[in-house]
C-alpha atoms as a PDB file:
ATOM      1  CA  MET A   1      41.946 145.568  71.942  1.00  0.00           C
ATOM      2  CA  ASN A   2      44.802 147.746  71.839  1.00  0.00           C
ATOM      3  CA  PRO A   3      44.586 151.251  73.307  1.00  0.00           C
ATOM      4  CA  ILE A   4      46.395 152.825  70.741  1.00  0.00           C
ATOM      5  CA  ARG A   5      44.849 155.211  68.302  1.00  0.00           C
ATOM      6  CA  PRO A   6      46.347 156.897  65.452  1.00  0.00           C
ATOM      7  CA  THR A   7      45.629 160.774  65.024  1.00  0.00           C
ATOM      8  CA  ILE A   8      46.049 160.321  61.258  1.00  0.00           C
ATOM      9  CA  PRO A   9      44.412 158.032  58.781  1.00  0.00           C
ATOM     10  CA  LEU A  10      46.543 154.993  57.641  1.00  0.00           C
ATOM     11  CA  ASP A  11      44.565 154.314  54.277  1.00  0.00           C
ATOM     12  CA  ALA A  12      43.989 157.969  52.927  1.00  0.00           C
ATOM     13  CA  PRO A  13      45.757 159.570  50.233  1.00  0.00           C
ATOM     14  CA  GLY A  14      47.787 162.472  50.515  1.00  0.00           C
ATOM     15  CA  LYS A  15      50.925 163.401  53.185  1.00  0.00           C
ATOM     16  CA  HIS A  16      49.718 163.059  57.041  1.00  0.00           C
ATOM     17  CA  HIS A  17      51.788 163.738  60.108  1.00  0.00           C
ATOM     18  CA  GLY A  18      50.800 162.682  63.345  1.00  0.00           C
ATOM     19  CA  PHE A  19      50.771 160.198  65.999  1.00  0.00           C
ATOM     20  CA  LEU A  20      49.864 156.799  67.584  1.00  0.00           C
ATOM     21  CA  ARG A  21      48.758 158.017  70.979  1.00  0.00           C
ATOM     22  CA  LEU A  22      49.159 155.560  73.821  1.00  0.00           C
ATOM     23  CA  PRO A  23      46.930 156.642  77.074  1.00  0.00           C
ATOM     24  CA  TYR A  24      49.385 156.457  79.891  1.00  0.00           C
ATOM     25  CA  SER A  25      48.333 157.485  83.303  1.00  0.00           C
ATOM     26  CA  ARG A  26      50.982 158.683  85.541  1.00  0.00           C
ATOM     27  CA  ASN A  27      52.048 160.471  88.528  1.00  0.00           C
ATOM     28  CA  ASP A  28      52.637 163.861  86.511  1.00  0.00           C
ATOM     29  CA  SER A  29      49.617 163.408  83.957  1.00  0.00           C
ATOM     30  CA  ALA A  30      46.697 161.691  85.480  1.00  0.00           C
ATOM     31  CA  TRP A  31      44.886 161.409  81.790  1.00  0.00           C
ATOM     32  CA  GLY A  32      48.443 161.613  80.048  1.00  0.00           C
ATOM     33  CA  SER A  33      49.818 159.793  76.761  1.00  0.00           C
ATOM     34  CA  VAL A  34      52.920 158.905  75.063  1.00  0.00           C
ATOM     35  CA  MET A  35      52.600 160.217  71.703  1.00  0.00           C
ATOM     36  CA  ILE A  36      54.680 158.250  69.072  1.00  0.00           C
ATOM     37  CA  PRO A  37      55.566 160.016  65.688  1.00  0.00           C
ATOM     38  CA  LEU A  38      53.947 158.834  62.610  1.00  0.00           C
ATOM     39  CA  THR A  39      53.807 159.943  58.925  1.00  0.00           C
ATOM     40  CA  VAL A  40      51.830 158.218  56.156  1.00  0.00           C
ATOM     41  CA  ILE A  41      52.037 158.965  52.701  1.00  0.00           C
ATOM     42  CA  GLY A  42      49.775 157.308  50.091  1.00  0.00           C
ATOM     43  CA  ASN A  43      49.265 157.604  46.633  1.00  0.00           C
ATOM     44  CA  GLY A  44      46.876 155.239  44.698  1.00  0.00           C
ATOM     45  CA  ASP A  45      47.435 151.549  44.635  1.00  0.00           C
ATOM     46  CA  GLY A  46      50.436 149.788  44.807  1.00  0.00           C
ATOM     47  CA  PRO A  47      52.751 148.198  47.977  1.00  0.00           C
ATOM     48  CA  THR A  48      53.022 149.334  51.523  1.00  0.00           C
ATOM     49  CA  ALA A  49      56.622 149.680  53.314  1.00  0.00           C
ATOM     50  CA  LEU A  50      56.700 149.961  56.865  1.00  0.00           C
ATOM     51  CA  LEU A  51      59.887 151.708  57.791  1.00  0.00           C
ATOM     52  CA  THR A  52      60.717 151.953  61.548  1.00  0.00           C
ATOM     53  CA  GLY A  53      63.709 153.260  63.231  1.00  0.00           C
ATOM     54  CA  GLY A  54      64.459 153.751  67.185  1.00  0.00           C
ATOM     55  CA  ASN A  55      63.495 150.119  68.173  1.00  0.00           C
ATOM     56  CA  HIS A  56      66.308 150.670  70.712  1.00  0.00           C
ATOM     57  CA  GLY A  57      66.364 154.311  71.842  1.00  0.00           C
ATOM     58  CA  ASP A  58      69.988 155.033  71.683  1.00  0.00           C
ATOM     59  CA  GLU A  59      70.326 154.205  68.152  1.00  0.00           C
ATOM     60  CA  TYR A  60      70.325 156.958  65.421  1.00  0.00           C
ATOM     61  CA  GLU A  61      71.013 156.250  62.048  1.00  0.00           C
ATOM     62  CA  GLY A  62      67.526 154.991  61.527  1.00  0.00           C
ATOM     63  CA  PRO A  63      65.541 158.322  63.183  1.00  0.00           C
ATOM     64  CA  ILE A  64      67.759 160.501  60.959  1.00  0.00           C
ATOM     65  CA  ALA A  65      66.679 158.879  57.935  1.00  0.00           C
ATOM     66  CA  LEU A  66      63.010 158.304  58.471  1.00  0.00           C
ATOM     67  CA  GLN A  67      63.119 161.974  59.454  1.00  0.00           C
ATOM     68  CA  GLN A  68      64.488 162.893  56.323  1.00  0.00           C
ATOM     69  CA  LEU A  69      62.158 160.942  54.294  1.00  0.00           C
ATOM     70  CA  ALA A  70      58.982 162.120  56.149  1.00  0.00           C
ATOM     71  CA  TRP A  71      59.938 165.506  55.369  1.00  0.00           C
ATOM     72  CA  GLU A  72      61.214 165.001  51.843  1.00  0.00           C
ATOM     73  CA  LEU A  73      58.877 162.493  50.274  1.00  0.00           C
ATOM     74  CA  GLU A  74      55.643 163.582  48.380  1.00  0.00           C
ATOM     75  CA  PRO A  75      52.494 161.865  47.457  1.00  0.00           C
ATOM     76  CA  ASP A  76      53.405 162.249  43.794  1.00  0.00           C
ATOM     77  CA  ASP A  77      56.663 160.554  44.526  1.00  0.00           C
ATOM     78  CA  ILE A  78      55.390 157.267  45.082  1.00  0.00           C
ATOM     79  CA  THR A  79      52.841 154.729  44.400  1.00  0.00           C
ATOM     80  CA  GLY A  80      51.310 152.877  46.907  1.00  0.00           C
ATOM     81  CA  ARG A  81      51.959 153.902  50.870  1.00  0.00           C
ATOM     82  CA  VAL A  82      54.827 154.426  53.127  1.00  0.00           C
ATOM     83  CA  ILE A  83      54.415 154.210  57.066  1.00  0.00           C
ATOM     84  CA  ILE A  84      57.155 155.997  58.644  1.00  0.00           C
ATOM     85  CA  ALA A  85      57.950 155.150  62.336  1.00  0.00           C
ATOM     86  CA  PRO A  86      61.325 157.074  63.209  1.00  0.00           C
ATOM     87  CA  TYR A  87      60.975 156.209  67.062  1.00  0.00           C
ATOM     88  CA  LEU A  88      59.529 153.011  67.453  1.00  0.00           C
ATOM     89  CA  ASN A  89      60.190 152.976  71.183  1.00  0.00           C
ATOM     90  CA  TYR A  90      59.581 156.682  71.513  1.00  0.00           C
ATOM     91  CA  PRO A  91      60.200 156.827  75.558  1.00  0.00           C
ATOM     92  CA  ALA A  92      63.387 154.936  75.125  1.00  0.00           C
ATOM     93  CA  PHE A  93      64.649 157.447  72.423  1.00  0.00           C
ATOM     94  CA  LYS A  94      63.668 160.537  74.700  1.00  0.00           C
ATOM     95  CA  ALA A  95      65.732 158.838  77.480  1.00  0.00           C
ATOM     96  CA  GLY A  96      68.694 157.912  74.826  1.00  0.00           C
ATOM     97  CA  THR A  97      68.420 154.294  76.303  1.00  0.00           C
ATOM     98  CA  ARG A  98      68.474 151.074  74.756  1.00  0.00           C
ATOM     99  CA  VAL A  99      65.310 150.145  76.916  1.00  0.00           C
ATOM    100  CA  SER A 100      62.367 151.974  77.830  1.00  0.00           C
ATOM    101  CA  PRO A 101      62.793 153.942  81.105  1.00  0.00           C
ATOM    102  CA  ILE A 102      58.915 153.629  82.040  1.00  0.00           C
ATOM    103  CA  ASP A 103      59.047 149.755  82.095  1.00  0.00           C
ATOM    104  CA  GLN A 104      62.600 148.542  81.428  1.00  0.00           C
ATOM    105  CA  VAL A 105      61.478 146.316  78.691  1.00  0.00           C
ATOM    106  CA  ASN A 106      63.504 145.794  75.503  1.00  0.00           C
ATOM    107  CA  MET A 107      61.198 146.472  72.456  1.00  0.00           C
ATOM    108  CA  ASN A 108      63.174 143.894  70.474  1.00  0.00           C
ATOM    109  CA  ARG A 109      62.639 141.346  73.047  1.00  0.00           C
ATOM    110  CA  CYS A 110      59.014 141.458  73.694  1.00  0.00           C
ATOM    111  CA  PHE A 111      57.224 140.906  70.350  1.00  0.00           C
ATOM    112  CA  PRO A 112      54.311 139.980  69.717  1.00  0.00           C
ATOM    113  CA  GLY A 113      53.813 142.274  72.649  1.00  0.00           C
ATOM    114  CA  ARG A 114      50.400 142.537  74.544  1.00  0.00           C
ATOM    115  CA  PRO A 115      47.314 144.639  74.384  1.00  0.00           C
ATOM    116  CA  ASP A 116      47.087 144.720  78.402  1.00  0.00           C
ATOM    117  CA  GLY A 117      50.579 144.815  78.937  1.00  0.00           C
ATOM    118  CA  THR A 118      53.081 147.412  79.623  1.00  0.00           C
ATOM    119  CA  VAL A 119      53.666 150.807  77.679  1.00  0.00           C
ATOM    120  CA  THR A 120      56.502 148.817  75.289  1.00  0.00           C
ATOM    121  CA  GLN A 121      54.189 145.930  75.155  1.00  0.00           C
ATOM    122  CA  LYS A 122      51.311 147.878  73.947  1.00  0.00           C
ATOM    123  CA  ILE A 123      53.449 149.380  71.437  1.00  0.00           C
ATOM    124  CA  ALA A 124      55.103 146.299  70.205  1.00  0.00           C
ATOM    125  CA  HIS A 125      51.462 144.869  69.964  1.00  0.00           C
ATOM    126  CA  PHE A 126      50.051 147.557  67.859  1.00  0.00           C
ATOM    127  CA  PHE A 127      52.961 147.412  65.498  1.00  0.00           C
ATOM    128  CA  ASP A 128      52.491 143.333  65.162  1.00  0.00           C
ATOM    129  CA  SER A 129      48.842 143.505  64.820  1.00  0.00           C
ATOM    130  CA  VAL A 130      48.037 146.499  63.065  1.00  0.00           C
ATOM    131  CA  LEU A 131      50.912 148.060  60.999  1.00  0.00           C
ATOM    132  CA  VAL A 132      53.038 144.987  60.167  1.00  0.00           C
ATOM    133  CA  PRO A 133      49.656 143.166  58.539  1.00  0.00           C
ATOM    134  CA  MET A 134      49.336 146.460  56.130  1.00  0.00           C
ATOM    135  CA  ALA A 135      53.075 146.067  55.011  1.00  0.00           C
ATOM    136  CA  ASP A 136      54.443 143.835  51.982  1.00  0.00           C
ATOM    137  CA  VAL A 137      58.219 145.275  52.767  1.00  0.00           C
ATOM    138  CA  VAL A 138      59.256 146.224  56.303  1.00  0.00           C
ATOM    139  CA  LEU A 139      62.383 148.128  57.097  1.00  0.00           C
ATOM    140  CA  ASP A 140      63.612 148.108  60.627  1.00  0.00           C
ATOM    141  CA  TYR A 141      67.196 150.470  61.279  1.00  0.00           C
ATOM    142  CA  HIS A 142      69.548 149.163  63.988  1.00  0.00           C
ATOM    143  CA  SER A 143      73.200 149.988  65.084  1.00  0.00           C
ATOM    144  CA  GLY A 144      75.218 149.378  67.815  1.00  0.00           C
ATOM    145  CA  GLY A 145      73.868 151.843  70.341  1.00  0.00           C
ATOM    146  CA  LYS A 146      76.196 152.782  73.232  1.00  0.00           C
ATOM    147  CA  THR A 147      77.494 149.372  73.594  1.00  0.00           C
ATOM    148  CA  LEU A 148      78.487 148.004  70.305  1.00  0.00           C
ATOM    149  CA  ASP A 149      79.946 149.283  67.053  1.00  0.00           C
ATOM    150  CA  PHE A 150      79.458 147.513  63.734  1.00  0.00           C
ATOM    151  CA  LEU A 151      80.644 147.581  60.203  1.00  0.00           C
ATOM    152  CA  PRO A 152      77.939 149.542  58.278  1.00  0.00           C
ATOM    153  CA  TYR A 153      75.701 146.754  56.974  1.00  0.00           C
ATOM    154  CA  ALA A 154      72.190 145.784  55.733  1.00  0.00           C
ATOM    155  CA  ALA A 155      71.144 142.255  56.734  1.00  0.00           C
ATOM    156  CA  ALA A 156      68.613 139.389  55.761  1.00  0.00           C
ATOM    157  CA  HIS A 157      68.206 136.222  57.679  1.00  0.00           C
ATOM    158  CA  TYR A 158      68.058 132.500  56.939  1.00  0.00           C
ATOM    159  CA  LEU A 159      64.537 131.576  56.804  1.00  0.00           C
ATOM    160  CA  ASP A 160      62.819 128.151  56.033  1.00  0.00           C
ATOM    161  CA  ASP A 161      60.844 129.397  53.035  1.00  0.00           C
ATOM    162  CA  ALA A 162      63.474 129.688  50.582  1.00  0.00           C
ATOM    163  CA  ASP A 163      61.169 131.789  48.034  1.00  0.00           C
ATOM    164  CA  GLN A 164      60.919 134.556  51.173  1.00  0.00           C
ATOM    165  CA  GLN A 165      64.515 134.307  52.233  1.00  0.00           C
ATOM    166  CA  ALA A 166      65.380 134.856  48.309  1.00  0.00           C
ATOM    167  CA  ALA A 167      63.131 138.109  48.553  1.00  0.00           C
ATOM    168  CA  CYS A 168      64.597 139.307  51.644  1.00  0.00           C
ATOM    169  CA  VAL A 169      68.300 139.177  50.430  1.00  0.00           C
ATOM    170  CA  ALA A 170      67.077 140.753  47.185  1.00  0.00           C
ATOM    171  CA  ALA A 171      65.899 143.646  49.167  1.00  0.00           C
ATOM    172  CA  MET A 172      68.706 143.804  51.767  1.00  0.00           C
ATOM    173  CA  GLN A 173      71.120 144.057  48.215  1.00  0.00           C
ATOM    174  CA  ALA A 174      69.015 146.702  47.120  1.00  0.00           C
ATOM    175  CA  PHE A 175      69.758 148.642  50.184  1.00  0.00           C
ATOM    176  CA  GLY A 176      73.514 149.112  49.203  1.00  0.00           C
ATOM    177  CA  ALA A 177      75.364 149.137  52.511  1.00  0.00           C
ATOM    178  CA  PRO A 178      79.056 148.883  52.055  1.00  0.00           C
ATOM    179  CA  TRP A 179      78.312 145.340  53.716  1.00  0.00           C
ATOM    180  CA  SER A 180      75.489 142.799  53.248  1.00  0.00           C
ATOM    181  CA  MET A 181      75.268 139.899  55.874  1.00  0.00           C
ATOM    182  CA  MET A 182      73.360 136.997  56.060  1.00  0.00           C
ATOM    183  CA  MET A 183      72.705 137.256  59.816  1.00  0.00           C
ATOM    184  CA  ARG A 184      72.167 134.767  63.103  1.00  0.00           C
ATOM    185  CA  GLU A 185      70.703 136.213  65.975  1.00  0.00           C
ATOM    186  CA  ILE A 186      71.909 135.037  69.295  1.00  0.00           C
ATOM    187  CA  ASP A 187      68.086 134.774  70.420  1.00  0.00           C
ATOM    188  CA  ALA A 188      65.635 135.594  67.873  1.00  0.00           C
ATOM    189  CA  VAL A 189      62.798 134.851  70.431  1.00  0.00           C
ATOM    190  CA  GLY A 190      60.865 138.139  70.914  1.00  0.00           C
ATOM    191  CA  MET A 191      61.983 139.969  68.119  1.00  0.00           C
ATOM    192  CA  PHE A 192      60.585 142.328  65.546  1.00  0.00           C
ATOM    193  CA  ASP A 193      62.505 140.703  62.767  1.00  0.00           C
ATOM    194  CA  THR A 194      60.872 137.385  64.046  1.00  0.00           C
ATOM    195  CA  VAL A 195      57.109 138.282  64.081  1.00  0.00           C
ATOM    196  CA  VAL A 196      57.497 139.784  60.845  1.00  0.00           C
ATOM    197  CA  GLU A 197      58.989 137.140  59.184  1.00  0.00           C
ATOM    198  CA  GLU A 198      56.626 134.550  60.363  1.00  0.00           C
ATOM    199  CA  LYS A 199      53.821 136.694  58.636  1.00  0.00           C
ATOM    200  CA  GLY A 200      55.422 136.071  55.546  1.00  0.00           C
ATOM    201  CA  LYS A 201      56.547 139.911  54.984  1.00  0.00           C
ATOM    202  CA  VAL A 202      60.036 140.975  52.816  1.00  0.00           C
ATOM    203  CA  PHE A 203      62.102 142.283  55.915  1.00  0.00           C
ATOM    204  CA  VAL A 204      65.614 143.970  55.979  1.00  0.00           C
ATOM    205  CA  THR A 205      67.245 145.100  58.959  1.00  0.00           C
ATOM    206  CA  THR A 206      70.556 147.122  59.590  1.00  0.00           C
ATOM    207  CA  GLU A 207      73.485 147.732  61.777  1.00  0.00           C
ATOM    208  CA  LEU A 208      75.009 150.881  60.689  1.00  0.00           C
ATOM    209  CA  GLY A 209      77.778 151.935  62.992  1.00  0.00           C
ATOM    210  CA  GLY A 210      77.533 152.469  67.030  1.00  0.00           C
ATOM    211  CA  GLY A 211      78.868 153.681  70.070  1.00  0.00           C
ATOM    212  CA  GLY A 212      75.538 155.687  70.644  1.00  0.00           C
ATOM    213  CA  THR A 213      76.065 158.533  67.911  1.00  0.00           C
ATOM    214  CA  ALA A 214      75.746 158.637  64.118  1.00  0.00           C
ATOM    215  CA  THR A 215      78.281 160.147  61.488  1.00  0.00           C
ATOM    216  CA  ALA A 216      77.948 161.781  58.457  1.00  0.00           C
ATOM    217  CA  ALA A 217      78.490 158.434  56.328  1.00  0.00           C
ATOM    218  CA  SER A 218      76.279 156.426  58.331  1.00  0.00           C
ATOM    219  CA  ALA A 219      73.671 158.599  57.983  1.00  0.00           C
ATOM    220  CA  ARG A 220      74.066 158.959  54.271  1.00  0.00           C
ATOM    221  CA  ILE A 221      73.949 155.076  53.977  1.00  0.00           C
ATOM    222  CA  ALA A 222      70.912 155.193  56.036  1.00  0.00           C
ATOM    223  CA  ILE A 223      68.848 157.451  53.820  1.00  0.00           C
ATOM    224  CA  SER A 224      70.153 156.020  50.617  1.00  0.00           C
ATOM    225  CA  GLY A 225      69.508 152.760  51.592  1.00  0.00           C
ATOM    226  CA  ALA A 226      65.707 153.494  52.379  1.00  0.00           C
ATOM    227  CA  LYS A 227      65.165 154.770  49.190  1.00  0.00           C
ATOM    228  CA  ASN A 228      66.610 151.966  47.527  1.00  0.00           C
ATOM    229  CA  VAL A 229      64.489 149.834  49.194  1.00  0.00           C
ATOM    230  CA  LEU A 230      61.300 151.785  48.358  1.00  0.00           C
ATOM    231  CA  ARG A 231      62.710 151.765  44.499  1.00  0.00           C
ATOM    232  CA  HIS A 232      63.150 147.968  44.991  1.00  0.00           C
ATOM    233  CA  ALA A 233      59.587 147.234  45.966  1.00  0.00           C
ATOM    234  CA  GLY A 234      58.267 149.479  43.188  1.00  0.00           C
ATOM    235  CA  ILE A 235      57.054 152.049  45.635  1.00  0.00           C
ATOM    236  CA  LEU A 236      59.448 155.021  44.681  1.00  0.00           C
ATOM    237  CA  GLY A 237      60.735 156.325  41.094  1.00  0.00           C
ATOM    238  CA  GLY A 238      64.128 156.429  39.829  1.00  0.00           C
ATOM    239  CA  GLU A 239      67.079 153.767  39.387  1.00  0.00           C
ATOM    240  CA  ILE A 240      68.425 152.118  42.556  1.00  0.00           C
ATOM    241  CA  GLU A 241      71.842 153.541  43.700  1.00  0.00           C
ATOM    242  CA  ARG A 242      74.082 150.848  42.910  1.00  0.00           C
ATOM    243  CA  SER A 243      77.230 149.917  45.351  1.00  0.00           C
ATOM    244  CA  ASP A 244      80.161 147.460  45.713  1.00  0.00           C
ATOM    245  CA  SER A 245      78.446 146.126  48.915  1.00  0.00           C
ATOM    246  CA  ARG A 246      80.762 143.067  50.066  1.00  0.00           C
ATOM    247  CA  MET A 247      78.921 140.001  51.254  1.00  0.00           C
ATOM    248  CA  LEU A 248      79.425 138.450  54.954  1.00  0.00           C
ATOM    249  CA  ASP A 249      77.923 135.587  56.653  1.00  0.00           C
ATOM    250  CA  MET A 250      77.543 134.339  60.073  1.00  0.00           C
ATOM    251  CA  PRO A 251      77.252 130.652  59.663  1.00  0.00           C
ATOM    252  CA  GLY A 252      77.101 129.722  63.515  1.00  0.00           C
ATOM    253  CA  ASP A 253      77.456 130.804  66.948  1.00  0.00           C
ATOM    254  CA  ASP A 254      81.072 130.355  67.112  1.00  0.00           C
ATOM    255  CA  CYS A 255      80.838 133.967  65.272  1.00  0.00           C
ATOM    256  CA  PHE A 256      80.176 135.505  68.905  1.00  0.00           C
ATOM    257  CA  HIS A 257      83.119 136.183  71.419  1.00  0.00           C
ATOM    258  CA  PHE A 258      81.979 136.768  74.905  1.00  0.00           C
ATOM    259  CA  ALA A 259      83.766 138.123  78.011  1.00  0.00           C
ATOM    260  CA  THR A 260      84.423 135.788  80.905  1.00  0.00           C
ATOM    261  CA  ARG A 261      85.753 138.366  83.524  1.00  0.00           C
ATOM    262  CA  ASP A 262      85.140 141.820  84.470  1.00  0.00           C
ATOM    263  CA  GLY A 263      87.903 144.369  83.331  1.00  0.00           C
ATOM    264  CA  LEU A 264      89.742 146.653  80.930  1.00  0.00           C
ATOM    265  CA  LEU A 265      88.970 145.961  77.407  1.00  0.00           C
ATOM    266  CA  HIS A 266      92.419 145.617  75.130  1.00  0.00           C
ATOM    267  CA  PRO A 267      91.275 145.306  71.757  1.00  0.00           C
ATOM    268  CA  LEU A 268      93.618 143.344  69.214  1.00  0.00           C
ATOM    269  CA  ALA A 269      91.809 143.530  65.941  1.00  0.00           C
ATOM    270  CA  ASP A 270      89.668 146.595  64.683  1.00  0.00           C
ATOM    271  CA  LEU A 271      86.501 146.476  62.611  1.00  0.00           C
ATOM    272  CA  GLY A 272      87.350 145.053  59.176  1.00  0.00           C
ATOM    273  CA  GLU A 273      90.365 143.495  60.201  1.00  0.00           C
ATOM    274  CA  PRO A 274      90.707 139.744  59.067  1.00  0.00           C
ATOM    275  CA  VAL A 275      91.840 137.387  61.701  1.00  0.00           C
ATOM    276  CA  ALA A 276      92.647 133.624  61.783  1.00  0.00           C
ATOM    277  CA  GLU A 277      91.312 131.184  64.101  1.00  0.00           C
ATOM    278  CA  GLY A 278      92.857 130.681  67.122  1.00  0.00           C
ATOM    279  CA  GLN A 279      94.317 134.553  66.680  1.00  0.00           C
ATOM    280  CA  PRO A 280      93.930 136.357  69.906  1.00  0.00           C
ATOM    281  CA  ILE A 281      91.562 139.452  69.384  1.00  0.00           C
ATOM    282  CA  ALA A 282      91.193 140.991  72.706  1.00  0.00           C
ATOM    283  CA  ARG A 283      92.705 140.929  76.091  1.00  0.00           C
ATOM    284  CA  ILE A 284      90.876 141.831  79.564  1.00  0.00           C
ATOM    285  CA  TRP A 285      92.866 143.391  81.695  1.00  0.00           C
ATOM    286  CA  PRO A 286      92.003 143.669  85.459  1.00  0.00           C
ATOM    287  CA  ALA A 287      90.689 147.118  86.655  1.00  0.00           C
ATOM    288  CA  ASP A 288      91.956 146.837  90.039  1.00  0.00           C
ATOM    289  CA  ARG A 289      95.112 146.117  90.476  1.00  0.00           C
ATOM    290  CA  THR A 290      98.444 145.870  88.198  1.00  0.00           C
ATOM    291  CA  GLY A 291     101.041 142.582  87.911  1.00  0.00           C
ATOM    292  CA  VAL A 292      98.252 140.351  86.960  1.00  0.00           C
ATOM    293  CA  ALA A 293      98.101 138.430  83.752  1.00  0.00           C
ATOM    294  CA  PRO A 294      94.991 139.405  81.425  1.00  0.00           C
ATOM    295  CA  VAL A 295      92.310 137.005  79.902  1.00  0.00           C
ATOM    296  CA  GLU A 296      92.918 136.416  76.295  1.00  0.00           C
ATOM    297  CA  VAL A 297      90.253 136.096  73.840  1.00  0.00           C
ATOM    298  CA  VAL A 298      91.273 134.148  70.873  1.00  0.00           C
ATOM    299  CA  ALA A 299      89.088 133.883  67.568  1.00  0.00           C
ATOM    300  CA  ASN A 300      86.754 131.007  67.489  1.00  0.00           C
ATOM    301  CA  ARG A 301      87.061 130.971  63.608  1.00  0.00           C
ATOM    302  CA  ALA A 302      88.788 132.722  60.571  1.00  0.00           C
ATOM    303  CA  GLY A 303      86.885 135.653  59.153  1.00  0.00           C
ATOM    304  CA  LEU A 304      87.029 139.484  59.915  1.00  0.00           C
ATOM    305  CA  ILE A 305      85.789 141.386  62.830  1.00  0.00           C
ATOM    306  CA  ALA A 306      82.297 142.657  61.959  1.00  0.00           C
ATOM    307  CA  ALA A 307      81.195 143.980  64.985  1.00  0.00           C
ATOM    308  CA  ARG A 308      83.002 144.976  68.615  1.00  0.00           C
ATOM    309  CA  HIS A 309      82.356 145.905  72.069  1.00  0.00           C
ATOM    310  CA  PHE A 310      82.420 149.813  72.169  1.00  0.00           C
ATOM    311  CA  PRO A 311      82.923 151.077  76.179  1.00  0.00           C
ATOM    312  CA  GLY A 312      86.690 150.448  77.436  1.00  0.00           C
ATOM    313  CA  LEU A 313      85.586 148.469  80.208  1.00  0.00           C
ATOM    314  CA  VAL A 314      83.629 144.942  79.931  1.00  0.00           C
ATOM    315  CA  GLN A 315      81.281 142.888  82.224  1.00  0.00           C
ATOM    316  CA  THR A 316      81.278 139.345  82.287  1.00  0.00           C
ATOM    317  CA  GLY A 317      78.960 138.126  79.625  1.00  0.00           C
ATOM    318  CA  ASP A 318      79.351 141.101  77.441  1.00  0.00           C
ATOM    319  CA  CYS A 319      79.602 140.249  73.605  1.00  0.00           C
ATOM    320  CA  LEU A 320      83.307 141.553  72.718  1.00  0.00           C
ATOM    321  CA  ALA A 321      83.477 140.805  69.052  1.00  0.00           C
ATOM    322  CA  VAL A 322      81.422 139.041  66.522  1.00  0.00           C
ATOM    323  CA  ILE A 323      83.449 137.403  63.666  1.00  0.00           C
ATOM    324  CA  ALA A 324      81.895 136.975  60.044  1.00  0.00           C
ATOM    325  CA  VAL A 325      83.006 135.226  56.982  1.00  0.00           C
ATOM    326  CA  PRO A 326      83.296 136.846  53.638  1.00  0.00           C
ATOM    327  CA  THR A 327      81.768 135.177  50.724  1.00  0.00           C
END
């Protein structure tokens, strides 16, 4: 049985702010706890939305948007229930790191988690076994963190169930980001996305920038997108704020481009720029000497640059760029 206990009711009417309390005995607190902030807003019968940010601790658009919604939304504004968790991996968020400093586990690679596992695995298990089954629609925010930068897009995945995929695509389009992506993951095993979709839920995710920070523009996209998804689900009143979202596709693994050596990254194409198949998109210069030719990275396919490596230095195996195809 999972040891996490909510300090607020999950099914009561009204607006409740509290925590998910996870007992965590450690050197500086023998009977200590990890306190994960949580807001639940309920009003009558209706759908339930689960809104999560901070799955990775160095991605900030989601936490900003969900803090705004937790403060702003009132029970009279909604029909149904909204569960808001701005900092899914709270230890990682506090540290400003992608993975938890407690156990070095990447939350978005450890689902469905374990009730008797590490801190991160216990949090993942609680969301998978308790909160996700309550939800009709799940919105999980991501951006590039400290190591990637993205065009601001909402995304849905290719699914075996055509009706479920269509419902996810409709919610993605309702989000209203400047770009909308049919997304493929490098490795979907252990992802929050995967366990939510396996339960038949409507799922929307995002990539809304990166570099380990947020901008005024990316925060606005995140806030308006959450409200649009709630309106689309019939939970929040008002009209969806329509936008001219441009559709992108990631049709195969050849969209991803990886570094084959360490060195100094020299980008040759910026985010949003169109590229042709075979066109050089980056050079990797040696970081320890001059007079040596760079490794040149060429586009595996035609499209546009949808994501790029953010720091100026790269290591062998780093993702340098993702090319998506406008549709």
